[in-house]
Structures are given as C-alpha cells and as structure tokens.
Amino acid sequence: MNIFFESIGTLLTTPTYLVMMAAFTALGILFGALPGISVNMALILALPLTYSMDTETAMCVLLACYIGAMSGGLISAIMLNIPGTGSSITTTFDGNPMARQGRGGEAMGIGILTSFVGGALSFILLLFVAPLIAKVALRFGPWEYFAIGVFSITMIVSVSGDSVVKGVLASLIGMAFAMTGADPVNGVSRYNFGFHALDGGIPTTALMCGMFAIPEMLKLVMNLDDTSIEVRQMEPLRGFGISLGDYLRRWKTILRAALIGTYVGILPGVGGSSASLLAYLTEKNRSKHPETFGQGEVDGLIASETSNNACVGGAMIPMLALGVPGSSTAAIVLSALTLHGVQCGPLAFSQDADIIYLIFAIMFVANFFMIAIERVMLNGYLRVLTLPRRIIMVMIMMVCFVGAFSARNNYTDVFVFILGGAAGFFLQKIGIGRAPIVMGYILSGIIESNLARALSISRGSFWAISSRPIAMAFIVLAVFSLVSSLYKSQKRARAQKTAS
C-alpha cells in the first residue's frame, strides 16, 4: 500500500503524466463514442505513439485511453441507439428508450456516474486480489502455467459464438501466427516462409492494427451513404441526473453488477459484452417489475454500465498476476508492457513492483479524469458524432499505416498490416472472431514455452503432469469446458434443425 500511495503522489505531482492522462482519457471517450471504433481499435491507434515514451508515460497513455473508451460507448448507445463499443450493447436496451422519452440527459448522467463507480469498485478489487493471486502463483511451475494456458484457450472457445469448431480454429490461427520466428527454447528460426524480416516473428502491432482496423474501415466504406448521423437533442443536464440518495438506494444493483463484471473480466476471452448482458439479465430476473426493463428502467442502465466498466479491473487481475490477459484489450496492454521490457506475472510484484503499483494508481486517477471530462465535454462529443464517416476513415487509416511501420521502421510490417487486415476481413465474413485469434496469439507463447520447460524437466514425459495437482485441476477444467461447449453447440444445432 505504501508503494501504491507513493505512485498516486508521483502521478499527481508530475505534469507530464497528468496531461497525458487527461488528453488520452478524452481521446478514448471520443473513440468509444464513435460507432465502428472499438476499445481495441482505440488502444491500437494509441499504441504507436508510445514507442518513444518511457514505460510510465506509455502506461498513462494506454490505460487512460482504455478506461475512457470503455465508458465512451454509452454516448452513442443512448443518443443514437448504436453501441459505440460491444460492451455497451445492453446500454441501448434502456438508455435509448429514456432518450426517446425526453430523458436523454438523465440517462447520460446516470451512465457516466455508474461507469465511474463500476470502474472504481473493480480497481479496489484489483488492488487487493492481484497481489494475493501472485503470491499463490509464485509456487507454480511450468506445468501449472501450461495448464492455465490450455484452460484459458478452452474458455475462449466456449464463448466464441455458436460454433465451437470456429472458436477452436480461431485460437489455432492465433497460435500459428505466434509460432513464426525464433523457437522460444533453442532459438531456431521457423515458419518465416523465406523472409528474413520474419525471423523475429510477426510484429504484434502490425498484425493487431491490420486485423482490427482494416475490417472496420471496410465496413464503413460499405456504408458511406450514411455520411452523417442524426443525434437526438439532449435536454439540459444538472449534476448527474439522479440524486445521491436515489442512487445509493440502488446499492445492491451496483454491487451485484460490479462483482459480475469483475468476475467475467477475469475469465479469459469473455469480455464486457457478456458481462453487461449477464448483469442486465440478473437484475431483470430479480426485479419485482421485470416488464419495465427495455422501457427506460434506470436499474437496467446501471447494471449494464457498472458491469462493463468493472470488466476493466477484472481483466487486469490475471494479466498482472499470472501474465494471462483476461480480454483481447488486456492482451494489447500486455503486448505494450512487453515492448517496454515489463514481464507480467507473479515475479513482477517483486521485480517490477514500482511499475505494477503505478499501473494501479494510473487506473484510479484516470477513472476520475473520465467522469470529469465526459461530464464536462458531453455536448462536444455529441457534435463530433455528426462528422462525415469519410473523414474518420481516412484519419484512422493514416494513423494505422504510420503505426505499423514505425514499430520497427520496417516496410515488411506494412505488408503484415495489409495481409492481417485481409485475413481479418475474410475470417470475419465466415464467422470466425478476431478476439479468439488475438488471445490465441498471446497465449501461444505461454503454452509453448512452459510445455517445453516442463518436458525438459521431466525428461520428455508428459505424464509427469499427473503429479502436479493444481495443473491437473486446470486440465480437468479445460476438458470440462470444451466438452460442455460441444454439448451446448450440438444442442443448439438440434434445436435449430427441429425448428426448421
């Protein structure tokens, strides 16, 4: 706790950190509010700007952008009925009906306030839970980390949509991308297809920029007829549209949604959209008046925005404590930390404690920036939503091209960016998600390197894992997760066949 409070003091007394956090929180809110630009896109656009920065400043930029973008999606969800991010889909259920009833200002104020509260509660849990998990993880060996990686892959597959086969395929594609370049154990170059530029592997920034940015831009190209967006008029907003007493009377809803969001955030590959939907349905099922949900119910709006922002802290828990990202967005943050020489995992709490606790402090401070900036600049964000899509598309593509090249100043990375975008667009068309690909790409290194170490220790015997109870527990959970997903998939297929 001493390191944490010292980090808070460092942030508040360093003008550079404060300016960066304020600027990129504002930019993140804007990216989140613009339909078609996801939280991942916001981080990918910000990532190239951090190459020349020190680690502390880079984390200020990326985490502030992350927190801002997660909240910004509520603006277009409420006023346009278009979720700015995937995690704000359920915000449209009650937020937009409130806007149609002339209560748009109230909905916006409540959404902003509850985004702040959901984030704050999850960051408190992050501060206390992550170090405890890290302490336990110090006893883990390569077999345990291999098993955790396998379990994480099966969890991604289980939430990859109706088709488990497509989920498995997406994860395997991501793992295949990660295997390009030097072998993690003996350093032998592999799968470079004769291009020595790929001896160091497929560049993370170029691949992620391509897979996320190009498909989204192509979607915008296909809908360029809608050159502007009609934004509803918002009545004057006083405070946050709800009294403190009325808000606190809903503490059970707030706490449930925050715990659900944090828990779902910890699960690899699940994400904010699943958390907000689960929290929303939980409140609807517990309500004495479920028929009011979808008609402008404040509890529905609170459940959605509390849970999706609580996912931020939840996703950071396994990332910092184990080195396993809880979401594709956390995977991008993990990649940025790796680029700056910080290795997440249990040892980070002793070897890089200053950076880890600075990350905690940045998230707390950026959360305050988020509520202040989003509330003050709300009308400005609404006006930006009316910009022609052509302008937005050109600006984003320029930033992505520069970002892909500037990571290593290598023209090959530009081709990786273009090919990654083409692959992402094609895979999206056939129903294969990009998030499992990114998670497979990140987890591949954990699985492969730890399996190699474990086999080296056990002299090539895979069955040595049976003597490690924690590792076996994760393997059993992985098998159960995969079998359960296959059963549910077959059950849905039979139901659809019967219905047709």
Protein backbone atom coordinates (compact mmCIF):
# COMPACT_ATOMS: atom_id res chain seq x y z
CA MET A 1 0.00 0.00 0.00
CA ASN A 2 2.93 2.35 0.64
CA ILE A 3 4.11 1.88 -2.95
CA PHE A 4 0.57 2.47 -4.21
CA PHE A 5 0.15 5.77 -2.33
CA GLU A 6 3.63 6.85 -3.41
CA SER A 7 2.60 6.14 -7.00
CA ILE A 8 -0.55 8.24 -6.57
CA GLY A 9 1.66 11.07 -5.28
CA THR A 10 4.03 10.70 -8.24
CA LEU A 11 1.16 10.93 -10.71
CA LEU A 12 -0.40 13.99 -9.07
CA THR A 13 2.92 15.86 -8.91
CA THR A 14 4.15 15.07 -12.44
CA PRO A 15 2.57 17.44 -15.01
CA THR A 16 3.54 15.21 -17.96
CA TYR A 17 1.61 12.24 -16.55
CA LEU A 18 -1.45 14.37 -15.74
CA VAL A 19 -1.53 15.99 -19.19
CA MET A 20 -1.15 12.62 -20.95
CA MET A 21 -3.88 11.01 -18.85
CA ALA A 22 -6.28 13.92 -19.40
CA ALA A 23 -5.63 14.04 -23.15
CA PHE A 24 -5.91 10.31 -23.78
CA THR A 25 -8.89 9.83 -21.48
CA ALA A 26 -10.66 12.46 -23.60
CA LEU A 27 -9.47 10.77 -26.80
CA GLY A 28 -10.53 7.35 -25.51
CA ILE A 29 -14.04 8.63 -24.74
CA LEU A 30 -14.24 10.00 -28.29
CA PHE A 31 -13.11 6.69 -29.83
CA GLY A 32 -15.60 4.81 -27.67
CA ALA A 33 -18.42 7.15 -28.69
CA LEU A 34 -17.77 6.84 -32.44
CA PRO A 35 -19.70 3.85 -33.83
CA GLY A 36 -17.42 1.35 -35.55
CA ILE A 37 -14.32 2.12 -33.48
CA SER A 38 -13.93 -0.47 -30.72
CA VAL A 39 -11.94 -0.27 -27.49
CA ASN A 40 -9.29 -2.45 -29.14
CA MET A 41 -9.10 -0.02 -32.05
CA ALA A 42 -8.66 2.90 -29.64
CA LEU A 43 -5.69 1.18 -27.98
CA ILE A 44 -4.15 0.11 -31.27
CA LEU A 45 -4.32 3.70 -32.54
CA ALA A 46 -2.66 4.95 -29.34
CA LEU A 47 0.00 2.21 -29.19
CA PRO A 48 2.38 3.57 -31.87
CA LEU A 49 2.55 6.90 -30.04
CA THR A 50 4.13 5.17 -27.02
CA TYR A 51 7.21 3.75 -28.77
CA SER A 52 9.41 6.74 -27.95
CA MET A 53 7.98 7.16 -24.44
CA ASP A 54 9.26 5.75 -21.17
CA THR A 55 7.27 2.89 -19.63
CA GLU A 56 5.46 5.09 -17.09
CA THR A 57 4.24 7.62 -19.67
CA ALA A 58 3.24 4.84 -22.08
CA MET A 59 1.06 3.24 -19.39
CA CYS A 60 -0.56 6.62 -18.66
CA VAL A 61 -1.47 6.89 -22.34
CA LEU A 62 -2.77 3.34 -22.87
CA LEU A 63 -4.67 2.84 -19.62
CA ALA A 64 -6.30 6.28 -19.76
CA CYS A 65 -7.38 5.56 -23.34
CA TYR A 66 -8.69 2.11 -22.27
CA ILE A 67 -10.78 3.50 -19.41
CA GLY A 68 -12.10 6.39 -21.49
CA ALA A 69 -13.10 4.16 -24.41
CA MET A 70 -14.96 1.69 -22.18
CA SER A 71 -17.17 4.49 -20.90
CA GLY A 72 -17.47 6.45 -24.17
CA GLY A 73 -19.61 3.77 -25.81
CA LEU A 74 -22.60 4.86 -23.71
CA ILE A 75 -22.86 8.20 -25.55
CA SER A 76 -23.83 6.76 -28.94
CA ALA A 77 -25.70 3.86 -27.29
CA ILE A 78 -28.07 6.24 -25.51
CA MET A 79 -28.40 9.06 -28.03
CA LEU A 80 -28.16 7.08 -31.30
CA ASN A 81 -29.24 3.57 -30.26
CA ILE A 82 -25.91 2.47 -31.78
CA PRO A 83 -23.48 0.94 -29.26
CA GLY A 84 -20.12 2.66 -29.60
CA THR A 85 -18.42 -0.47 -28.23
CA GLY A 86 -19.53 -4.09 -27.98
CA SER A 87 -19.79 -3.83 -24.20
CA SER A 88 -22.40 -1.04 -24.44
CA ILE A 89 -24.94 -3.09 -26.40
CA THR A 90 -27.16 -3.62 -23.35
CA THR A 91 -26.95 0.12 -22.58
CA THR A 92 -29.19 0.65 -25.62
CA PHE A 93 -31.93 -1.50 -24.02
CA ASP A 94 -32.97 1.14 -21.50
CA GLY A 95 -30.71 4.11 -22.30
CA ASN A 96 -32.21 4.83 -25.70
CA PRO A 97 -35.85 4.47 -24.53
CA MET A 98 -35.03 7.05 -21.84
CA ALA A 99 -33.70 9.38 -24.58
CA ARG A 100 -36.87 8.87 -26.66
CA GLN A 101 -38.91 9.78 -23.57
CA GLY A 102 -37.04 13.11 -23.30
CA ARG A 103 -34.80 11.78 -20.50
CA GLY A 104 -31.59 11.60 -22.54
CA GLY A 105 -29.72 13.93 -20.19
CA GLU A 106 -30.74 11.87 -17.19
CA ALA A 107 -29.64 8.65 -18.92
CA MET A 108 -26.29 10.17 -19.89
CA GLY A 109 -25.62 11.46 -16.38
CA ILE A 110 -26.50 8.16 -14.74
CA GLY A 111 -24.42 6.26 -17.29
CA ILE A 112 -21.34 8.43 -16.68
CA LEU A 113 -21.69 8.23 -12.90
CA THR A 114 -22.19 4.48 -12.81
CA SER A 115 -19.29 3.91 -15.25
CA PHE A 116 -17.07 5.64 -12.70
CA VAL A 117 -18.45 3.62 -9.78
CA GLY A 118 -18.15 0.28 -11.62
CA GLY A 119 -14.55 1.03 -12.56
CA ALA A 120 -13.64 2.21 -9.04
CA LEU A 121 -15.05 -0.91 -7.37
CA SER A 122 -13.19 -3.22 -9.75
CA PHE A 123 -9.93 -1.31 -9.26
CA ILE A 124 -10.24 -1.74 -5.49
CA LEU A 125 -10.65 -5.49 -6.01
CA LEU A 126 -7.69 -5.44 -8.42
CA LEU A 127 -5.50 -3.71 -5.82
CA PHE A 128 -6.16 -6.39 -3.18
CA VAL A 129 -6.79 -9.56 -5.22
CA ALA A 130 -3.98 -9.41 -7.80
CA PRO A 131 -1.12 -9.46 -5.22
CA LEU A 132 -2.77 -12.42 -3.42
CA ILE A 133 -3.04 -14.40 -6.67
CA ALA A 134 0.56 -13.51 -7.47
CA LYS A 135 1.70 -14.87 -4.09
CA VAL A 136 -0.02 -18.17 -4.76
CA ALA A 137 1.32 -18.22 -8.33
CA LEU A 138 4.91 -17.98 -7.06
CA ARG A 139 4.57 -21.68 -6.24
CA PHE A 140 3.59 -22.52 -9.81
CA GLY A 141 5.98 -24.29 -12.14
CA PRO A 142 5.93 -24.74 -15.93
CA TRP A 143 3.28 -27.48 -15.74
CA GLU A 144 0.89 -25.13 -13.91
CA TYR A 145 1.40 -22.30 -16.40
CA PHE A 146 0.96 -24.70 -19.32
CA ALA A 147 -2.32 -25.94 -17.81
CA ILE A 148 -3.56 -22.40 -17.16
CA GLY A 149 -2.80 -21.50 -20.79
CA VAL A 150 -4.72 -24.54 -22.08
CA PHE A 151 -7.67 -23.75 -19.77
CA SER A 152 -7.66 -20.14 -21.00
CA ILE A 153 -7.80 -21.31 -24.62
CA THR A 154 -10.82 -23.55 -23.90
CA MET A 155 -12.55 -20.66 -22.10
CA ILE A 156 -12.08 -18.50 -25.21
CA VAL A 157 -13.52 -21.26 -27.37
CA SER A 158 -16.55 -21.63 -25.08
CA VAL A 159 -17.58 -18.00 -25.64
CA SER A 160 -16.65 -17.71 -29.32
CA GLY A 161 -20.20 -17.99 -30.60
CA ASP A 162 -22.46 -20.81 -31.71
CA SER A 163 -19.70 -22.83 -33.40
CA VAL A 164 -17.09 -24.44 -31.18
CA VAL A 165 -15.19 -25.57 -34.29
CA LYS A 166 -14.81 -21.96 -35.42
CA GLY A 167 -13.67 -20.97 -31.94
CA VAL A 168 -11.01 -23.70 -31.91
CA LEU A 169 -9.94 -22.75 -35.43
CA ALA A 170 -9.64 -19.06 -34.48
CA SER A 171 -7.46 -19.87 -31.47
CA LEU A 172 -5.26 -22.19 -33.56
CA ILE A 173 -4.81 -19.48 -36.21
CA GLY A 174 -3.65 -17.07 -33.49
CA MET A 175 -1.24 -19.67 -32.12
CA ALA A 176 0.11 -20.33 -35.62
CA PHE A 177 0.83 -16.60 -36.09
CA ALA A 178 2.76 -16.62 -32.80
CA MET A 179 4.93 -19.57 -33.86
CA THR A 180 6.52 -17.60 -36.70
CA GLY A 181 10.12 -16.64 -35.95
CA ALA A 182 12.57 -17.97 -33.38
CA ASP A 183 11.76 -21.04 -31.30
CA PRO A 184 11.41 -19.89 -27.64
CA VAL A 185 13.68 -22.69 -26.37
CA ASN A 186 16.50 -23.27 -28.88
CA GLY A 187 16.20 -20.07 -30.94
CA VAL A 188 15.92 -21.86 -34.32
CA SER A 189 14.08 -19.80 -36.94
CA ARG A 190 10.87 -21.39 -38.23
CA TYR A 191 7.84 -20.67 -40.44
CA ASN A 192 9.34 -17.48 -41.88
CA PHE A 193 8.48 -18.57 -45.48
CA GLY A 194 11.94 -17.48 -46.63
CA PHE A 195 11.53 -13.89 -45.42
CA HIS A 196 14.35 -13.00 -43.05
CA ALA A 197 12.31 -10.00 -41.92
CA LEU A 198 10.06 -12.52 -40.13
CA ASP A 199 12.94 -14.16 -38.22
CA GLY A 200 11.89 -12.08 -35.22
CA GLY A 201 8.28 -13.19 -35.58
CA ILE A 202 5.14 -11.49 -36.86
CA PRO A 203 5.11 -7.98 -35.35
CA THR A 204 2.33 -7.66 -32.81
CA THR A 205 1.42 -4.04 -33.60
CA ALA A 206 1.20 -4.54 -37.36
CA LEU A 207 -0.88 -7.72 -37.00
CA MET A 208 -3.33 -6.24 -34.48
CA CYS A 209 -3.66 -2.97 -36.42
CA GLY A 210 -4.49 -4.92 -39.56
CA MET A 211 -6.89 -7.43 -38.01
CA PHE A 212 -8.90 -4.81 -36.13
CA ALA A 213 -8.62 -1.63 -38.20
CA ILE A 214 -8.98 -2.74 -41.82
CA PRO A 215 -12.20 -4.83 -41.41
CA GLU A 216 -13.83 -1.95 -39.51
CA MET A 217 -12.79 0.55 -42.17
CA LEU A 218 -14.12 -1.69 -44.94
CA LYS A 219 -17.44 -1.84 -43.10
CA LEU A 220 -17.52 1.95 -43.08
CA VAL A 221 -16.73 2.01 -46.83
CA MET A 222 -19.74 -0.23 -47.48
CA ASN A 223 -22.00 2.23 -45.65
CA LEU A 224 -20.62 5.54 -46.89
CA ASP A 225 -24.10 6.67 -47.95
CA ASP A 226 -24.70 7.48 -44.29
CA THR A 227 -22.32 10.44 -44.32
CA SER A 228 -23.68 11.82 -41.10
CA ILE A 229 -25.51 10.61 -38.06
CA GLU A 230 -28.60 12.19 -36.65
CA VAL A 231 -28.10 12.84 -32.95
CA ARG A 232 -31.09 13.31 -30.63
CA GLN A 233 -31.41 16.57 -28.80
CA MET A 234 -30.46 16.27 -25.14
CA GLU A 235 -32.26 18.32 -22.50
CA PRO A 236 -30.10 20.40 -20.09
CA LEU A 237 -28.41 18.15 -17.54
CA ARG A 238 -27.96 19.19 -13.92
CA GLY A 239 -25.45 17.17 -11.93
CA PHE A 240 -25.66 13.54 -12.99
CA GLY A 241 -29.42 13.34 -13.50
CA ILE A 242 -30.06 11.47 -10.25
CA SER A 243 -29.90 12.41 -6.57
CA LEU A 244 -27.23 10.82 -4.40
CA GLY A 245 -29.87 9.28 -2.13
CA ASP A 246 -31.77 7.72 -5.04
CA TYR A 247 -28.53 6.36 -6.48
CA LEU A 248 -27.32 4.86 -3.19
CA ARG A 249 -30.70 3.17 -2.66
CA ARG A 250 -29.74 1.01 -5.64
CA TRP A 251 -26.54 -0.19 -3.95
CA LYS A 252 -27.45 -3.86 -4.30
CA THR A 253 -27.79 -3.49 -8.07
CA ILE A 254 -24.49 -1.60 -8.25
CA LEU A 255 -22.60 -4.12 -6.13
CA ARG A 256 -24.00 -7.16 -7.97
CA ALA A 257 -23.17 -5.67 -11.36
CA ALA A 258 -19.64 -4.70 -10.25
CA LEU A 259 -18.94 -8.21 -8.92
CA ILE A 260 -20.34 -9.82 -12.08
CA GLY A 261 -18.28 -7.50 -14.28
CA THR A 262 -15.08 -8.14 -12.32
CA TYR A 263 -15.63 -11.91 -12.28
CA VAL A 264 -16.39 -12.09 -16.01
CA GLY A 265 -13.40 -9.83 -16.72
CA ILE A 266 -11.10 -12.33 -15.01
CA LEU A 267 -12.26 -15.15 -17.32
CA PRO A 268 -10.02 -15.21 -20.42
CA GLY A 269 -11.68 -14.06 -23.63
CA VAL A 270 -15.21 -13.44 -22.28
CA GLY A 271 -15.31 -9.62 -22.40
CA GLY A 272 -17.50 -6.69 -21.42
CA SER A 273 -20.44 -7.51 -23.70
CA SER A 274 -21.01 -10.84 -21.92
CA ALA A 275 -20.60 -9.17 -18.51
CA SER A 276 -23.12 -6.43 -19.22
CA LEU A 277 -25.66 -8.88 -20.63
CA LEU A 278 -25.29 -11.21 -17.63
CA ALA A 279 -25.63 -8.32 -15.16
CA TYR A 280 -28.64 -6.94 -17.03
CA LEU A 281 -30.45 -10.29 -17.11
CA THR A 282 -29.63 -10.86 -13.43
CA GLU A 283 -31.29 -7.57 -12.47
CA LYS A 284 -34.26 -8.19 -14.73
CA ASN A 285 -34.84 -11.64 -13.24
CA ARG A 286 -34.55 -10.32 -9.67
CA SER A 287 -36.78 -7.31 -10.27
CA LYS A 288 -40.35 -7.15 -8.93
CA HIS A 289 -41.27 -5.34 -12.16
CA PRO A 290 -39.32 -7.06 -14.97
CA GLU A 291 -41.75 -5.69 -17.55
CA THR A 292 -40.22 -2.20 -17.10
CA PHE A 293 -36.84 -3.39 -18.40
CA GLY A 294 -36.43 -2.27 -22.00
CA GLN A 295 -38.83 0.61 -21.39
CA GLY A 296 -36.38 3.05 -19.80
CA GLU A 297 -35.59 1.30 -16.50
CA VAL A 298 -32.80 3.01 -14.56
CA ASP A 299 -31.70 -0.26 -12.90
CA GLY A 300 -31.10 -1.79 -16.33
CA LEU A 301 -28.89 1.12 -17.35
CA ILE A 302 -26.96 0.97 -14.07
CA ALA A 303 -26.43 -2.80 -14.35
CA SER A 304 -25.09 -2.51 -17.90
CA GLU A 305 -22.68 0.39 -17.38
CA THR A 306 -21.45 -0.76 -13.95
CA SER A 307 -20.60 -4.26 -15.16
CA ASN A 308 -18.88 -3.38 -18.44
CA ASN A 309 -16.59 -0.86 -16.74
CA ALA A 310 -15.90 -3.29 -13.88
CA CYS A 311 -14.56 -5.67 -16.54
CA VAL A 312 -11.51 -3.40 -16.94
CA GLY A 313 -10.19 -4.14 -13.45
CA GLY A 314 -11.21 -7.79 -13.71
CA ALA A 315 -9.30 -8.34 -16.97
CA MET A 316 -6.17 -6.80 -15.44
CA ILE A 317 -6.12 -9.25 -12.48
CA PRO A 318 -4.94 -12.38 -14.36
CA MET A 319 -2.82 -10.23 -16.70
CA LEU A 320 -0.76 -8.69 -13.91
CA ALA A 321 -0.77 -11.67 -11.53
CA LEU A 322 -0.26 -14.53 -14.00
CA GLY A 323 0.72 -12.93 -17.30
CA VAL A 324 -2.52 -14.28 -18.83
CA PRO A 325 -4.75 -11.49 -20.26
CA GLY A 326 -8.43 -11.56 -19.31
CA SER A 327 -9.53 -9.99 -22.61
CA SER A 328 -8.22 -9.10 -26.06
CA THR A 329 -7.91 -5.49 -24.88
CA ALA A 330 -5.83 -6.58 -21.89
CA ALA A 331 -3.74 -8.59 -24.37
CA ILE A 332 -2.90 -5.36 -26.20
CA VAL A 333 -1.88 -3.73 -22.89
CA LEU A 334 0.22 -6.82 -22.10
CA SER A 335 1.93 -6.52 -25.50
CA ALA A 336 2.70 -2.85 -24.78
CA LEU A 337 4.23 -3.73 -21.41
CA THR A 338 6.35 -6.43 -23.04
CA LEU A 339 7.56 -3.94 -25.66
CA HIS A 340 8.67 -1.70 -22.80
CA GLY A 341 10.53 -4.53 -21.04
CA VAL A 342 7.99 -5.33 -18.29
CA GLN A 343 7.15 -9.04 -17.90
CA CYS A 344 3.80 -9.55 -16.16
CA GLY A 345 3.37 -12.45 -13.74
CA PRO A 346 3.93 -13.25 -10.07
CA LEU A 347 7.58 -12.14 -10.14
CA ALA A 348 6.57 -8.70 -11.43
CA PHE A 349 5.22 -7.83 -7.95
CA SER A 350 8.74 -8.10 -6.58
CA GLN A 351 10.93 -7.30 -9.59
CA ASP A 352 8.82 -4.51 -11.11
CA ALA A 353 6.69 -3.50 -8.10
CA ASP A 354 7.04 0.20 -8.89
CA ILE A 355 5.55 -0.24 -12.38
CA ILE A 356 2.81 -2.63 -11.24
CA TYR A 357 1.57 -0.33 -8.47
CA LEU A 358 1.92 2.67 -10.77
CA ILE A 359 -0.49 0.86 -13.11
CA PHE A 360 -2.95 0.54 -10.21
CA ALA A 361 -2.54 4.25 -9.46
CA ILE A 362 -2.98 5.26 -13.13
CA MET A 363 -6.27 3.37 -13.32
CA PHE A 364 -7.61 5.08 -10.19
CA VAL A 365 -6.61 8.57 -11.32
CA ALA A 366 -7.73 8.04 -14.94
CA ASN A 367 -11.15 6.97 -13.64
CA PHE A 368 -11.55 10.42 -12.03
CA PHE A 369 -10.43 12.08 -15.26
CA MET A 370 -13.03 10.01 -17.11
CA ILE A 371 -16.02 11.14 -15.04
CA ALA A 372 -14.93 14.80 -15.09
CA ILE A 373 -14.06 15.04 -18.80
CA GLU A 374 -17.03 13.04 -20.05
CA ARG A 375 -19.46 15.11 -17.98
CA VAL A 376 -17.96 18.49 -18.92
CA MET A 377 -17.39 17.77 -22.63
CA LEU A 378 -20.59 15.80 -23.24
CA ASN A 379 -22.16 18.24 -25.71
CA GLY A 380 -18.88 18.46 -27.63
CA TYR A 381 -18.75 14.68 -28.05
CA LEU A 382 -22.32 14.68 -29.35
CA ARG A 383 -21.37 17.25 -32.00
CA VAL A 384 -18.35 15.19 -33.12
CA LEU A 385 -20.67 12.24 -33.80
CA THR A 386 -22.09 14.19 -36.76
CA LEU A 387 -18.73 14.21 -38.63
CA PRO A 388 -18.82 12.52 -42.08
CA ARG A 389 -17.54 8.96 -41.91
CA ARG A 390 -15.09 9.60 -44.78
CA ILE A 391 -13.07 11.95 -42.58
CA ILE A 392 -12.96 9.47 -39.70
CA MET A 393 -11.94 6.61 -42.02
CA VAL A 394 -9.06 8.49 -43.68
CA MET A 395 -7.65 9.70 -40.34
CA ILE A 396 -7.72 6.20 -38.82
CA MET A 397 -6.09 4.53 -41.82
CA MET A 398 -3.28 7.11 -41.83
CA VAL A 399 -2.57 6.51 -38.14
CA CYS A 400 -2.60 2.71 -38.63
CA PHE A 401 -0.17 2.78 -41.56
CA VAL A 402 2.24 5.00 -39.66
CA GLY A 403 1.88 2.86 -36.53
CA ALA A 404 2.51 -0.40 -38.39
CA PHE A 405 5.71 0.95 -39.96
CA SER A 406 7.09 2.91 -37.00
CA ALA A 407 7.19 -0.08 -34.60
CA ARG A 408 10.40 -1.38 -36.26
CA ASN A 409 10.85 1.04 -39.21
CA ASN A 410 10.49 -1.99 -41.46
CA TYR A 411 8.49 -1.95 -44.70
CA THR A 412 7.69 -5.66 -44.22
CA ASP A 413 5.47 -4.69 -41.28
CA VAL A 414 3.27 -2.68 -43.66
CA PHE A 415 2.67 -5.84 -45.72
CA VAL A 416 1.90 -7.74 -42.49
CA PHE A 417 -0.59 -4.97 -41.65
CA ILE A 418 -2.31 -5.27 -45.05
CA LEU A 419 -2.32 -9.09 -45.10
CA GLY A 420 -3.51 -9.19 -41.48
CA GLY A 421 -6.37 -6.88 -42.42
CA ALA A 422 -7.32 -9.03 -45.41
CA ALA A 423 -7.22 -12.15 -43.22
CA GLY A 424 -9.28 -10.43 -40.51
CA PHE A 425 -11.92 -9.31 -43.03
CA PHE A 426 -12.17 -12.76 -44.64
CA LEU A 427 -12.34 -14.59 -41.29
CA GLN A 428 -14.98 -12.17 -40.04
CA LYS A 429 -17.05 -12.85 -43.16
CA ILE A 430 -17.08 -16.61 -42.49
CA GLY A 431 -17.95 -16.10 -38.83
CA ILE A 432 -14.54 -16.56 -37.18
CA GLY A 433 -13.99 -13.95 -34.47
CA ARG A 434 -10.86 -11.84 -34.18
CA ALA A 435 -10.75 -11.78 -30.37
CA PRO A 436 -10.00 -15.56 -30.10
CA ILE A 437 -7.23 -15.10 -32.68
CA VAL A 438 -5.59 -12.35 -30.63
CA MET A 439 -5.93 -14.33 -27.41
CA GLY A 440 -4.53 -17.45 -29.09
CA TYR A 441 -1.62 -15.36 -30.36
CA ILE A 442 -0.80 -14.10 -26.85
CA LEU A 443 -1.38 -17.40 -25.04
CA SER A 444 0.67 -19.42 -27.54
CA GLY A 445 3.94 -18.20 -26.03
CA ILE A 446 2.81 -19.16 -22.50
CA ILE A 447 1.67 -22.63 -23.56
CA GLU A 448 4.61 -23.50 -25.83
CA SER A 449 7.48 -22.19 -23.71
CA ASN A 450 6.17 -23.70 -20.47
CA LEU A 451 5.42 -27.06 -22.09
CA ALA A 452 8.99 -27.16 -23.43
CA ARG A 453 10.43 -26.36 -19.98
CA ALA A 454 8.18 -28.91 -18.29
CA LEU A 455 9.13 -31.68 -20.73
CA SER A 456 12.79 -30.80 -20.29
CA ILE A 457 12.49 -31.17 -16.50
CA SER A 458 10.52 -34.44 -16.78
CA ARG A 459 12.88 -35.86 -19.46
CA GLY A 460 10.18 -35.87 -22.11
CA SER A 461 7.41 -37.49 -20.06
CA PHE A 462 4.10 -35.67 -20.46
CA TRP A 463 2.52 -37.86 -17.77
CA ALA A 464 4.65 -36.08 -15.16
CA ILE A 465 1.81 -33.54 -15.11
CA SER A 466 -0.27 -36.08 -13.15
CA SER A 467 1.96 -35.45 -10.12
CA ARG A 468 1.01 -31.74 -10.11
CA PRO A 469 -2.48 -31.42 -8.57
CA ILE A 470 -3.01 -27.74 -9.48
CA ALA A 471 -2.02 -28.36 -13.09
CA MET A 472 -4.29 -31.41 -13.26
CA ALA A 473 -7.17 -29.37 -11.83
CA PHE A 474 -6.81 -26.82 -14.65
CA ILE A 475 -6.57 -29.61 -17.26
CA VAL A 476 -9.78 -31.18 -15.89
CA LEU A 477 -11.48 -27.77 -16.00
CA ALA A 478 -10.26 -27.32 -19.58
CA VAL A 479 -11.70 -30.69 -20.65
CA PHE A 480 -14.99 -29.93 -18.88
CA SER A 481 -15.17 -26.50 -20.53
CA LEU A 482 -14.56 -27.94 -24.00
CA VAL A 483 -16.99 -30.86 -23.58
CA SER A 484 -19.65 -28.54 -22.16
CA SER A 485 -19.20 -26.17 -25.13
CA LEU A 486 -19.51 -29.05 -27.62
CA TYR A 487 -22.67 -30.32 -25.90
CA LYS A 488 -24.29 -26.88 -25.93
CA SER A 489 -23.33 -26.37 -29.57
CA GLN A 490 -24.87 -29.70 -30.59
CA LYS A 491 -27.99 -28.96 -28.54
CA ARG A 492 -28.43 -25.60 -30.31
CA ALA A 493 -27.90 -27.25 -33.70
CA ARG A 494 -30.57 -29.91 -32.97
CA ALA A 495 -32.99 -27.23 -31.76
CA GLN A 496 -32.48 -25.20 -34.95
CA LYS A 497 -32.93 -28.30 -37.11
CA THR A 498 -36.16 -29.19 -35.29
CA ALA A 499 -37.46 -25.61 -35.64
CA SER A 500 -36.79 -25.57 -39.38
